[in-house]
C-alpha atoms as a PDB file:
ATOM      1  CA  MET A   1      21.859  23.470   7.391  1.00  0.00           C
ATOM      2  CA  ILE A   2      25.172  22.349   8.866  1.00  0.00           C
ATOM      3  CA  GLU A   3      23.705  18.860   9.285  1.00  0.00           C
ATOM      4  CA  ILE A   4      23.119  18.624   5.526  1.00  0.00           C
ATOM      5  CA  ALA A   5      26.718  19.568   4.793  1.00  0.00           C
ATOM      6  CA  ILE A   6      27.897  16.918   7.258  1.00  0.00           C
ATOM      7  CA  GLN A   7      25.752  14.265   5.549  1.00  0.00           C
ATOM      8  CA  ILE A   8      27.239  15.183   2.178  1.00  0.00           C
ATOM      9  CA  LEU A   9      30.736  15.022   3.644  1.00  0.00           C
ATOM     10  CA  GLY A  10      29.913  11.472   4.752  1.00  0.00           C
ATOM     11  CA  ILE A  11      29.423  10.553   1.093  1.00  0.00           C
ATOM     12  CA  PHE A  12      32.835  12.067   0.341  1.00  0.00           C
ATOM     13  CA  ALA A  13      34.396   9.911   3.051  1.00  0.00           C
ATOM     14  CA  MET A  14      33.112   6.764   1.325  1.00  0.00           C
ATOM     15  CA  ILE A  15      34.305   8.041  -2.055  1.00  0.00           C
ATOM     16  CA  GLY A  16      37.711   8.589  -0.420  1.00  0.00           C
ATOM     17  CA  VAL A  17      37.926   4.868   0.382  1.00  0.00           C
ATOM     18  CA  GLY A  18      37.724   4.110  -3.333  1.00  0.00           C
ATOM     19  CA  VAL A  19      40.342   6.737  -4.156  1.00  0.00           C
ATOM     20  CA  VAL A  20      42.791   5.320  -1.608  1.00  0.00           C
ATOM     21  CA  ALA A  21      42.138   1.750  -2.801  1.00  0.00           C
ATOM     22  CA  THR A  22      42.997   2.739  -6.364  1.00  0.00           C
ATOM     23  CA  ARG A  23      46.050   4.810  -5.473  1.00  0.00           C
ATOM     24  CA  ARG A  24      47.478   1.950  -3.397  1.00  0.00           C
ATOM     25  CA  GLN A  25      46.475  -0.713  -5.929  1.00  0.00           C
ATOM     26  CA  TRP A  26      44.600  -2.851  -3.427  1.00  0.00           C
ATOM     27  CA  PHE A  27      42.428  -4.450  -6.133  1.00  0.00           C
ATOM     28  CA  ALA A  28      42.746  -5.742  -9.674  1.00  0.00           C
ATOM     29  CA  GLU A  29      42.015  -3.295 -12.492  1.00  0.00           C
ATOM     30  CA  ASP A  30      38.657  -4.882 -13.345  1.00  0.00           C
ATOM     31  CA  PHE A  31      37.411  -4.951  -9.745  1.00  0.00           C
ATOM     32  CA  SER A  32      35.397  -1.743 -10.135  1.00  0.00           C
ATOM     33  CA  THR A  33      33.606  -3.231 -13.147  1.00  0.00           C
ATOM     34  CA  GLN A  34      32.763  -6.384 -11.193  1.00  0.00           C
ATOM     35  CA  LEU A  35      31.541  -4.357  -8.217  1.00  0.00           C
ATOM     36  CA  SER A  36      29.426  -2.212 -10.552  1.00  0.00           C
ATOM     37  CA  LYS A  37      27.679  -5.299 -11.893  1.00  0.00           C
ATOM     38  CA  LEU A  38      26.998  -6.483  -8.352  1.00  0.00           C
ATOM     39  CA  LEU A  39      25.638  -3.043  -7.452  1.00  0.00           C
ATOM     40  CA  LEU A  40      23.253  -2.819 -10.405  1.00  0.00           C
ATOM     41  CA  GLN A  41      22.137  -6.437 -10.379  1.00  0.00           C
ATOM     42  CA  VAL A  42      21.919  -7.248  -6.647  1.00  0.00           C
ATOM     43  CA  PHE A  43      22.385  -4.420  -4.119  1.00  0.00           C
ATOM     44  CA  TYR A  44      20.209  -1.701  -5.657  1.00  0.00           C
ATOM     45  CA  PRO A  45      17.312  -3.993  -6.727  1.00  0.00           C
ATOM     46  CA  SER A  46      17.253  -5.464  -3.212  1.00  0.00           C
ATOM     47  CA  LEU A  47      16.936  -1.981  -1.729  1.00  0.00           C
ATOM     48  CA  LEU A  48      14.076  -1.049  -4.071  1.00  0.00           C
ATOM     49  CA  TYR A  49      12.073  -4.242  -3.598  1.00  0.00           C
ATOM     50  CA  SER A  50      12.304  -4.296   0.183  1.00  0.00           C
ATOM     51  CA  ALA A  51      11.692  -0.534   0.571  1.00  0.00           C
ATOM     52  CA  ILE A  52       8.430  -0.662  -1.384  1.00  0.00           C
ATOM     53  CA  LEU A  53       7.101  -3.714   0.470  1.00  0.00           C
ATOM     54  CA  ARG A  54       8.136  -2.311   3.856  1.00  0.00           C
ATOM     55  CA  ASN A  55       6.460   1.068   3.384  1.00  0.00           C
ATOM     56  CA  TYR A  56       3.575   0.879   0.914  1.00  0.00           C
ATOM     57  CA  THR A  57       0.309  -0.725  -0.042  1.00  0.00           C
ATOM     58  CA  LEU A  58      -1.432  -0.520  -3.410  1.00  0.00           C
ATOM     59  CA  ALA A  59      -3.843   2.015  -1.927  1.00  0.00           C
ATOM     60  CA  LYS A  60      -0.987   4.165  -0.628  1.00  0.00           C
ATOM     61  CA  ILE A  61       0.737   4.114  -4.006  1.00  0.00           C
ATOM     62  CA  ALA A  62      -2.511   5.131  -5.729  1.00  0.00           C
ATOM     63  CA  GLU A  63      -3.203   7.925  -3.234  1.00  0.00           C
ATOM     64  CA  ASN A  64       0.288   9.387  -3.616  1.00  0.00           C
ATOM     65  CA  TRP A  65       0.581   9.101  -7.400  1.00  0.00           C
ATOM     66  CA  LEU A  66       1.802  12.719  -7.552  1.00  0.00           C
ATOM     67  CA  LEU A  67       5.131  11.762  -5.944  1.00  0.00           C
ATOM     68  CA  PRO A  68       6.401   9.449  -8.724  1.00  0.00           C
ATOM     69  CA  ALA A  69       4.773  11.696 -11.345  1.00  0.00           C
ATOM     70  CA  GLY A  70       6.585  14.738  -9.930  1.00  0.00           C
ATOM     71  CA  ALA A  71       9.888  12.871 -10.016  1.00  0.00           C
ATOM     72  CA  VAL A  72       9.287  12.104 -13.696  1.00  0.00           C
ATOM     73  CA  GLY A  73       8.634  15.801 -14.293  1.00  0.00           C
ATOM     74  CA  ILE A  74      11.917  16.769 -12.619  1.00  0.00           C
ATOM     75  CA  MET A  75      13.854  14.379 -14.862  1.00  0.00           C
ATOM     76  CA  VAL A  76      12.039  15.625 -17.979  1.00  0.00           C
ATOM     77  CA  VAL A  77      13.047  19.214 -17.213  1.00  0.00           C
ATOM     78  CA  GLY A  78      16.673  18.098 -16.861  1.00  0.00           C
ATOM     79  CA  TRP A  79      16.458  16.103 -20.096  1.00  0.00           C
ATOM     80  CA  ALA A  80      15.085  19.101 -22.009  1.00  0.00           C
ATOM     81  CA  VAL A  81      17.822  21.436 -20.742  1.00  0.00           C
ATOM     82  CA  GLY A  82      20.451  18.788 -21.508  1.00  0.00           C
ATOM     83  CA  TRP A  83      19.057  18.223 -25.007  1.00  0.00           C
ATOM     84  CA  VAL A  84      19.568  21.901 -25.847  1.00  0.00           C
ATOM     85  CA  ALA A  85      23.011  22.055 -24.202  1.00  0.00           C
ATOM     86  CA  LYS A  86      24.218  18.861 -25.923  1.00  0.00           C
ATOM     87  CA  ARG A  87      23.534  20.434 -29.310  1.00  0.00           C
ATOM     88  CA  THR A  88      25.233  23.706 -28.420  1.00  0.00           C
ATOM     89  CA  ILE A  89      27.832  23.500 -25.666  1.00  0.00           C
ATOM     90  CA  ALA A  90      28.862  19.853 -26.222  1.00  0.00           C
ATOM     91  CA  ARG A  91      28.286  19.494 -29.947  1.00  0.00           C
ATOM     92  CA  HIS A  92      31.994  19.186 -30.877  1.00  0.00           C
ATOM     93  CA  PHE A  93      32.820  16.386 -28.410  1.00  0.00           C
ATOM     94  CA  ARG A  94      32.814  12.623 -28.926  1.00  0.00           C
ATOM     95  CA  ALA A  95      29.465  10.828 -28.844  1.00  0.00           C
ATOM     96  CA  PRO A  96      30.140   9.055 -25.491  1.00  0.00           C
ATOM     97  CA  THR A  97      30.997  12.401 -23.889  1.00  0.00           C
ATOM     98  CA  ARG A  98      27.926  14.113 -25.341  1.00  0.00           C
ATOM     99  CA  ARG A  99      25.710  11.305 -24.080  1.00  0.00           C
ATOM    100  CA  ALA A 100      27.281  11.457 -20.604  1.00  0.00           C
ATOM    101  CA  PHE A 101      26.769  15.232 -20.628  1.00  0.00           C
ATOM    102  CA  HIS A 102      23.080  14.829 -21.499  1.00  0.00           C
ATOM    103  CA  PHE A 103      22.634  12.022 -18.965  1.00  0.00           C
ATOM    104  CA  THR A 104      24.101  14.206 -16.198  1.00  0.00           C
ATOM    105  CA  CYS A 105      21.531  16.909 -16.916  1.00  0.00           C
ATOM    106  CA  THR A 106      18.722  14.332 -16.962  1.00  0.00           C
ATOM    107  CA  MET A 107      19.475  12.131 -13.950  1.00  0.00           C
ATOM    108  CA  ASN A 108      20.818  13.030 -10.534  1.00  0.00           C
ATOM    109  CA  ASN A 109      21.336  11.391  -7.143  1.00  0.00           C
ATOM    110  CA  TYR A 110      17.581  11.069  -6.655  1.00  0.00           C
ATOM    111  CA  SER A 111      17.466   8.361  -3.990  1.00  0.00           C
ATOM    112  CA  PHE A 112      20.382   7.818  -1.613  1.00  0.00           C
ATOM    113  CA  LEU A 113      21.385  11.367  -0.726  1.00  0.00           C
ATOM    114  CA  PRO A 114      17.811  12.761  -0.627  1.00  0.00           C
ATOM    115  CA  ILE A 115      16.845  10.057   1.853  1.00  0.00           C
ATOM    116  CA  MET A 116      19.795  10.974   4.072  1.00  0.00           C
ATOM    117  CA  ILE A 117      18.941  14.682   3.917  1.00  0.00           C
ATOM    118  CA  ILE A 118      15.161  14.352   4.335  1.00  0.00           C
ATOM    119  CA  ALA A 119      15.637  12.054   7.330  1.00  0.00           C
ATOM    120  CA  GLY A 120      17.373  14.925   9.122  1.00  0.00           C
ATOM    121  CA  THR A 121      14.558  17.415   8.522  1.00  0.00           C
ATOM    122  CA  ALA A 122      11.253  17.921  10.300  1.00  0.00           C
ATOM    123  CA  LEU A 123       9.602  15.499   7.861  1.00  0.00           C
ATOM    124  CA  GLY A 124      11.575  12.596   9.330  1.00  0.00           C
ATOM    125  CA  GLU A 125      10.232   9.135   8.495  1.00  0.00           C
ATOM    126  CA  GLN A 126       7.312  10.584   6.573  1.00  0.00           C
ATOM    127  CA  GLY A 127       9.737  12.314   4.244  1.00  0.00           C
ATOM    128  CA  VAL A 128      11.840   9.179   3.830  1.00  0.00           C
ATOM    129  CA  ALA A 129       8.740   7.215   2.807  1.00  0.00           C
ATOM    130  CA  MET A 130       7.814   9.953   0.330  1.00  0.00           C
ATOM    131  CA  VAL A 131      11.267   9.866  -1.257  1.00  0.00           C
ATOM    132  CA  ALA A 132      11.033   6.074  -1.494  1.00  0.00           C
ATOM    133  CA  LEU A 133       7.800   6.421  -3.456  1.00  0.00           C
ATOM    134  CA  THR A 134       9.277   8.986  -5.841  1.00  0.00           C
ATOM    135  CA  THR A 135      11.857   6.372  -6.836  1.00  0.00           C
ATOM    136  CA  ILE A 136       9.143   4.519  -8.757  1.00  0.00           C
ATOM    137  CA  GLY A 137       9.041   7.437 -11.176  1.00  0.00           C
ATOM    138  CA  SER A 138      12.767   8.196 -10.985  1.00  0.00           C
ATOM    139  CA  ASP A 139      13.879   4.618 -11.562  1.00  0.00           C
ATOM    140  CA  THR A 140      11.447   4.208 -14.429  1.00  0.00           C
ATOM    141  CA  MET A 141      13.031   7.280 -16.010  1.00  0.00           C
ATOM    142  CA  MET A 142      16.539   6.027 -15.221  1.00  0.00           C
ATOM    143  CA  TRP A 143      16.072   2.738 -17.031  1.00  0.00           C
ATOM    144  CA  THR A 144      14.063   4.083 -19.952  1.00  0.00           C
ATOM    145  CA  LEU A 145      14.823   7.676 -20.937  1.00  0.00           C
ATOM    146  CA  GLY A 146      18.024   7.862 -18.873  1.00  0.00           C
ATOM    147  CA  PHE A 147      19.327   4.564 -20.238  1.00  0.00           C
ATOM    148  CA  ARG A 148      18.526   5.627 -23.781  1.00  0.00           C
ATOM    149  CA  THR A 149      20.256   8.979 -23.209  1.00  0.00           C
ATOM    150  CA  PHE A 150      23.387   7.353 -21.780  1.00  0.00           C
ATOM    151  CA  THR A 151      23.776   4.550 -24.336  1.00  0.00           C
ATOM    152  CA  GLY A 152      22.282   6.180 -27.413  1.00  0.00           C
ATOM    153  CA  GLN A 153      19.972   3.200 -27.941  1.00  0.00           C
ATOM    154  CA  LYS A 154      16.528   4.061 -29.267  1.00  0.00           C
ATOM    155  CA  LEU A 155      13.503   3.078 -27.222  1.00  0.00           C
ATOM    156  CA  LYS A 156      11.235   0.880 -29.335  1.00  0.00           C
ATOM    157  CA  LEU A 157       8.250  -1.231 -28.397  1.00  0.00           C
ATOM    158  CA  ARG A 158      10.166  -4.411 -29.127  1.00  0.00           C
ATOM    159  CA  THR A 159      12.963  -3.346 -26.766  1.00  0.00           C
ATOM    160  CA  LEU A 160      10.666  -2.570 -23.813  1.00  0.00           C
ATOM    161  CA  PRO A 161      10.557  -6.203 -22.598  1.00  0.00           C
ATOM    162  CA  SER A 162      14.355  -6.225 -22.316  1.00  0.00           C
ATOM    163  CA  LEU A 163      14.239  -2.962 -20.347  1.00  0.00           C
ATOM    164  CA  LEU A 164      11.666  -4.433 -17.968  1.00  0.00           C
ATOM    165  CA  LEU A 165      14.025  -7.341 -17.344  1.00  0.00           C
ATOM    166  CA  ARG A 166      16.793  -5.058 -16.122  1.00  0.00           C
ATOM    167  CA  PRO A 167      17.186  -5.721 -12.378  1.00  0.00           C
ATOM    168  CA  PRO A 168      16.130  -2.292 -10.990  1.00  0.00           C
ATOM    169  CA  ILE A 169      12.944  -2.102 -13.074  1.00  0.00           C
ATOM    170  CA  ALA A 170      12.251  -5.793 -12.463  1.00  0.00           C
ATOM    171  CA  ALA A 171      12.579  -5.209  -8.704  1.00  0.00           C
ATOM    172  CA  LEU A 172      10.070  -2.331  -8.774  1.00  0.00           C
ATOM    173  CA  ALA A 173       7.668  -4.370 -10.916  1.00  0.00           C
ATOM    174  CA  ALA A 174       8.064  -7.388  -8.618  1.00  0.00           C
ATOM    175  CA  ALA A 175       7.291  -5.286  -5.545  1.00  0.00           C
ATOM    176  CA  VAL A 176       4.103  -3.836  -7.047  1.00  0.00           C
ATOM    177  CA  LEU A 177       3.130  -7.267  -8.382  1.00  0.00           C
ATOM    178  CA  THR A 178       3.633  -8.796  -4.934  1.00  0.00           C
ATOM    179  CA  LEU A 179       1.298  -6.221  -3.409  1.00  0.00           C
ATOM    180  CA  ALA A 180      -1.209  -6.802  -6.213  1.00  0.00           C
ATOM    181  CA  VAL A 181      -1.199 -10.575  -5.656  1.00  0.00           C
ATOM    182  CA  LEU A 182      -1.608 -10.226  -1.898  1.00  0.00           C
ATOM    183  CA  HIS A 183      -4.242  -7.470  -2.049  1.00  0.00           C
ATOM    184  CA  PRO A 184      -7.272  -9.711  -2.848  1.00  0.00           C
ATOM    185  CA  PHE A 185      -6.453 -11.734   0.264  1.00  0.00           C
ATOM    186  CA  GLY A 186      -6.526  -8.639   2.453  1.00  0.00           C
ATOM    187  CA  VAL A 187      -2.762  -8.657   2.998  1.00  0.00           C
ATOM    188  CA  ASP A 188      -0.786  -5.409   2.916  1.00  0.00           C
ATOM    189  CA  SER A 189       2.712  -4.283   3.872  1.00  0.00           C
ATOM    190  CA  ALA A 190       1.760  -3.959   7.559  1.00  0.00           C
ATOM    191  CA  ASP A 191       0.672  -7.608   7.582  1.00  0.00           C
ATOM    192  CA  LEU A 192       3.923  -8.617   5.916  1.00  0.00           C
ATOM    193  CA  MET A 193       5.942  -6.833   8.580  1.00  0.00           C
ATOM    194  CA  ALA A 194       3.831  -8.450  11.302  1.00  0.00           C
ATOM    195  CA  CYS A 195       4.773 -11.908  10.025  1.00  0.00           C
ATOM    196  CA  LEU A 196       8.119 -12.807  11.587  1.00  0.00           C
ATOM    197  CA  PRO A 197       9.657 -14.843   8.707  1.00  0.00           C
ATOM    198  CA  THR A 198       8.635 -12.263   6.083  1.00  0.00           C
ATOM    199  CA  ARG A 199       9.768  -9.348   8.220  1.00  0.00           C
ATOM    200  CA  VAL A 200      13.160 -10.946   8.804  1.00  0.00           C
ATOM    201  CA  ALA A 201      13.556 -11.640   5.074  1.00  0.00           C
ATOM    202  CA  LEU A 202      12.636  -8.083   4.046  1.00  0.00           C
ATOM    203  CA  GLU A 203      14.767  -6.491   6.740  1.00  0.00           C
ATOM    204  CA  THR A 204      17.699  -8.662   5.655  1.00  0.00           C
ATOM    205  CA  LEU A 205      17.285  -7.519   2.059  1.00  0.00           C
ATOM    206  CA  TYR A 206      17.004  -3.891   3.123  1.00  0.00           C
ATOM    207  CA  LYS A 207      19.740  -3.814   5.745  1.00  0.00           C
ATOM    208  CA  TYR A 208      22.429  -6.076   4.320  1.00  0.00           C
ATOM    209  CA  LEU A 209      22.015  -6.264   0.553  1.00  0.00           C
ATOM    210  CA  GLY A 210      20.182  -2.986  -0.039  1.00  0.00           C
ATOM    211  CA  GLY A 211      22.306  -1.235   2.574  1.00  0.00           C
ATOM    212  CA  ALA A 212      25.400  -1.954   0.497  1.00  0.00           C
ATOM    213  CA  THR A 213      24.092   0.251  -2.323  1.00  0.00           C
ATOM    214  CA  ILE A 214      25.346   3.595  -1.052  1.00  0.00           C
ATOM    215  CA  PRO A 215      28.877   2.533  -0.012  1.00  0.00           C
ATOM    216  CA  ALA A 216      29.302   0.393  -3.148  1.00  0.00           C
ATOM    217  CA  SER A 217      28.262   3.307  -5.378  1.00  0.00           C
ATOM    218  CA  ALA A 218      30.610   5.672  -3.556  1.00  0.00           C
ATOM    219  CA  ILE A 219      33.548   3.256  -3.638  1.00  0.00           C
ATOM    220  CA  VAL A 220      33.145   2.571  -7.375  1.00  0.00           C
ATOM    221  CA  CYS A 221      33.034   6.311  -7.959  1.00  0.00           C
ATOM    222  CA  GLY A 222      36.124   6.819  -5.794  1.00  0.00           C
ATOM    223  CA  MET A 223      38.060   4.090  -7.607  1.00  0.00           C
ATOM    224  CA  ARG A 224      37.468   5.871 -10.890  1.00  0.00           C
ATOM    225  CA  LEU A 225      38.259   9.259  -9.391  1.00  0.00           C
ATOM    226  CA  GLY A 226      41.548   7.801  -8.188  1.00  0.00           C
ATOM    227  CA  GLN A 227      42.568   7.366 -11.818  1.00  0.00           C
ATOM    228  CA  LEU A 228      41.813  10.969 -12.756  1.00  0.00           C
ATOM    229  CA  LYS A 229      44.314  13.706 -13.315  1.00  0.00           C
ATOM    230  CA  LEU A 230      43.483  16.944 -11.522  1.00  0.00           C
ATOM    231  CA  SER A 231      43.279  18.774 -14.859  1.00  0.00           C
ATOM    232  CA  GLY A 232      40.285  16.617 -15.836  1.00  0.00           C
ATOM    233  CA  LEU A 233      38.173  18.167 -13.101  1.00  0.00           C
ATOM    234  CA  PHE A 234      38.175  21.738 -14.365  1.00  0.00           C
ATOM    235  CA  THR A 235      37.724  21.551 -18.136  1.00  0.00           C
ATOM    236  CA  PRO A 236      35.255  24.011 -19.713  1.00  0.00           C
ATOM    237  CA  LEU A 237      32.819  21.178 -20.392  1.00  0.00           C
ATOM    238  CA  GLN A 238      33.005  20.000 -16.768  1.00  0.00           C
ATOM    239  CA  ILE A 239      32.354  23.514 -15.504  1.00  0.00           C
ATOM    240  CA  ALA A 240      29.393  23.837 -17.888  1.00  0.00           C
ATOM    241  CA  VAL A 241      27.752  20.559 -16.910  1.00  0.00           C
ATOM    242  CA  THR A 242      28.326  21.246 -13.211  1.00  0.00           C
ATOM    243  CA  LEU A 243      26.639  24.649 -13.419  1.00  0.00           C
ATOM    244  CA  LEU A 244      23.754  23.223 -15.432  1.00  0.00           C
ATOM    245  CA  ARG A 245      23.219  20.317 -13.031  1.00  0.00           C
ATOM    246  CA  MET A 246      23.632  22.296  -9.800  1.00  0.00           C
ATOM    247  CA  VAL A 247      22.372  25.800 -10.634  1.00  0.00           C
ATOM    248  CA  VAL A 248      20.392  26.187 -13.862  1.00  0.00           C
ATOM    249  CA  ILE A 249      18.197  23.057 -13.758  1.00  0.00           C
ATOM    250  CA  PRO A 250      17.405  23.326 -10.002  1.00  0.00           C
ATOM    251  CA  ALA A 251      16.556  27.024 -10.430  1.00  0.00           C
ATOM    252  CA  ILE A 252      14.007  26.219 -13.154  1.00  0.00           C
ATOM    253  CA  ILE A 253      12.438  23.477 -11.051  1.00  0.00           C
ATOM    254  CA  LEU A 254      12.330  25.587  -7.859  1.00  0.00           C
ATOM    255  CA  VAL A 255      10.501  28.336  -9.741  1.00  0.00           C
ATOM    256  CA  LEU A 256       7.964  25.775 -10.982  1.00  0.00           C
ATOM    257  CA  LEU A 257       7.556  24.357  -7.461  1.00  0.00           C
ATOM    258  CA  SER A 258       6.891  27.829  -6.069  1.00  0.00           C
ATOM    259  CA  VAL A 259       3.867  28.352  -8.326  1.00  0.00           C
ATOM    260  CA  LEU A 260       2.376  24.834  -8.412  1.00  0.00           C
ATOM    261  CA  PRO A 261      -0.431  23.982  -5.913  1.00  0.00           C
ATOM    262  CA  LEU A 262       1.526  21.478  -3.802  1.00  0.00           C
ATOM    263  CA  GLU A 263       1.457  20.481  -0.163  1.00  0.00           C
ATOM    264  CA  PRO A 264       4.467  21.813   1.806  1.00  0.00           C
ATOM    265  CA  ALA A 265       5.836  18.292   2.350  1.00  0.00           C
ATOM    266  CA  GLU A 266       5.584  17.512  -1.380  1.00  0.00           C
ATOM    267  CA  ARG A 267       7.271  20.795  -2.284  1.00  0.00           C
ATOM    268  CA  MET A 268      10.114  20.059   0.137  1.00  0.00           C
ATOM    269  CA  VAL A 269      10.683  16.522  -1.167  1.00  0.00           C
ATOM    270  CA  PHE A 270      10.659  17.634  -4.811  1.00  0.00           C
ATOM    271  CA  GLY A 271      12.958  20.533  -3.961  1.00  0.00           C
ATOM    272  CA  VAL A 272      15.505  18.279  -2.285  1.00  0.00           C
ATOM    273  CA  ILE A 273      15.502  15.898  -5.269  1.00  0.00           C
ATOM    274  CA  ALA A 274      15.894  18.781  -7.741  1.00  0.00           C
ATOM    275  CA  LEU A 275      18.922  20.121  -5.849  1.00  0.00           C
ATOM    276  CA  MET A 276      20.832  16.833  -5.852  1.00  0.00           C
ATOM    277  CA  PRO A 277      24.214  16.347  -7.602  1.00  0.00           C
ATOM    278  CA  GLY A 278      24.952  13.953 -10.460  1.00  0.00           C
ATOM    279  CA  ALA A 279      23.947  10.297 -10.153  1.00  0.00           C
ATOM    280  CA  MET A 280      26.764   8.150  -8.775  1.00  0.00           C
ATOM    281  CA  VAL A 281      25.267   5.178 -10.593  1.00  0.00           C
ATOM    282  CA  GLY A 282      26.500   6.860 -13.779  1.00  0.00           C
ATOM    283  CA  VAL A 283      29.986   5.462 -13.137  1.00  0.00           C
ATOM    284  CA  SER A 284      28.595   1.948 -12.800  1.00  0.00           C
ATOM    285  CA  MET A 285      26.591   2.401 -15.992  1.00  0.00           C
ATOM    286  CA  ALA A 286      29.702   3.601 -17.786  1.00  0.00           C
ATOM    287  CA  GLU A 287      31.547   0.532 -16.513  1.00  0.00           C
ATOM    288  CA  VAL A 288      28.853  -1.932 -17.551  1.00  0.00           C
ATOM    289  CA  TYR A 289      27.420  -0.382 -20.713  1.00  0.00           C
ATOM    290  CA  GLY A 290      30.362   1.616 -22.020  1.00  0.00           C
ATOM    291  CA  GLY A 291      30.794   5.369 -21.719  1.00  0.00           C
ATOM    292  CA  ASP A 292      33.141   8.215 -20.927  1.00  0.00           C
ATOM    293  CA  ILE A 293      34.182   7.023 -17.459  1.00  0.00           C
ATOM    294  CA  PRO A 294      36.648   9.875 -16.685  1.00  0.00           C
ATOM    295  CA  PHE A 295      34.050  12.500 -17.617  1.00  0.00           C
ATOM    296  CA  VAL A 296      31.323  10.907 -15.480  1.00  0.00           C
ATOM    297  CA  SER A 297      33.682  10.418 -12.525  1.00  0.00           C
ATOM    298  CA  ALA A 298      34.875  14.024 -12.610  1.00  0.00           C
ATOM    299  CA  MET A 299      31.300  15.262 -12.914  1.00  0.00           C
ATOM    300  CA  ILE A 300      30.286  13.340  -9.794  1.00  0.00           C
ATOM    301  CA  LEU A 301      33.118  14.835  -7.757  1.00  0.00           C
ATOM    302  CA  ASN A 302      32.459  18.375  -8.994  1.00  0.00           C
ATOM    303  CA  THR A 303      28.687  18.304  -8.480  1.00  0.00           C
ATOM    304  CA  HIS A 304      28.944  16.721  -5.026  1.00  0.00           C
ATOM    305  CA  ALA A 305      31.532  19.308  -3.995  1.00  0.00           C
ATOM    306  CA  LEU A 306      29.319  22.176  -5.164  1.00  0.00           C
ATOM    307  CA  CYS A 307      26.176  20.750  -3.568  1.00  0.00           C
ATOM    308  CA  ILE A 308      27.653  21.416  -0.111  1.00  0.00           C
ATOM    309  CA  LEU A 309      26.943  25.068  -0.943  1.00  0.00           C
ATOM    310  CA  THR A 310      23.965  24.933  -3.316  1.00  0.00           C
ATOM    311  CA  VAL A 311      21.733  22.486  -1.400  1.00  0.00           C
ATOM    312  CA  PRO A 312      21.487  24.552   1.824  1.00  0.00           C
ATOM    313  CA  ILE A 313      20.955  27.749  -0.204  1.00  0.00           C
ATOM    314  CA  GLY A 314      18.323  26.099  -2.414  1.00  0.00           C
ATOM    315  CA  LEU A 315      16.407  24.713   0.574  1.00  0.00           C
ATOM    316  CA  TRP A 316      16.519  28.125   2.256  1.00  0.00           C
ATOM    317  CA  LEU A 317      15.106  29.756  -0.877  1.00  0.00           C
ATOM    318  CA  LEU A 318      12.438  27.060  -1.124  1.00  0.00           C
ATOM    319  CA  GLY A 319      11.483  27.733   2.485  1.00  0.00           C
ATOM    320  CA  CYS A 320      11.215  31.436   1.791  1.00  0.00           C
END
């Protein structure tokens, strides 16, 4: 599992760029906010749209419905644990902090880091494609239940259209709609990749715009971490949310995975997702939608630091 630790350290290296940039005042104070908007509105949606079209057909999505459904289940378990903890452990803190606490329990780094880790396992490209499909469920949860948890806004039928217009959800919907429109004509993702202009366009989206998602997320996180005082990393609430996110919630999910009738590849993919640290996009959401930025930034550093230990152990236990 040394390879996994090395991959996680690579994320820390990118976060370090943001820390150095902040400490040396290379950018204006509002640069991280501007970069966060670019990340959420351009980079990440480009990655989602191109990844779905490059790897899936409508038939494939239908056949593997358990992958996005399982991702939803993982987030629901985290939400339930966070709901209890928010009303006990975090009940005396400010509303933005309580919401960030609950959001951390609900959503984790379900896409970028799992793809990096799965790619280095025996599952290889098959595993990467499986993780990509789980993001349909994970991203739906992120921009519905996760968004509601983070902002405190209630989900109502009249607000659903505005949620669907948010770039990540719109990108997923556009990808599925594209496949649906092309399907009656006998065109699938393989045909799209065989067509030179379309292949070039999708690969450009995936490689250049979508490829900026991970470093942009890490740099935004690092820029906020650069403003933290060391004491903010080890508060009782930070320790509590870190243990919940990295130990308690994964343990519950791993027990469930061990008893459910799943294929080994499915169990491995779900296990990797369950073991992931806090979502780095939380900093961008705090920047754009308002939130406890120092708390979210410290949580990301703490959970990513601990995952160097917990992820290899969790995967070993899952293998056993």
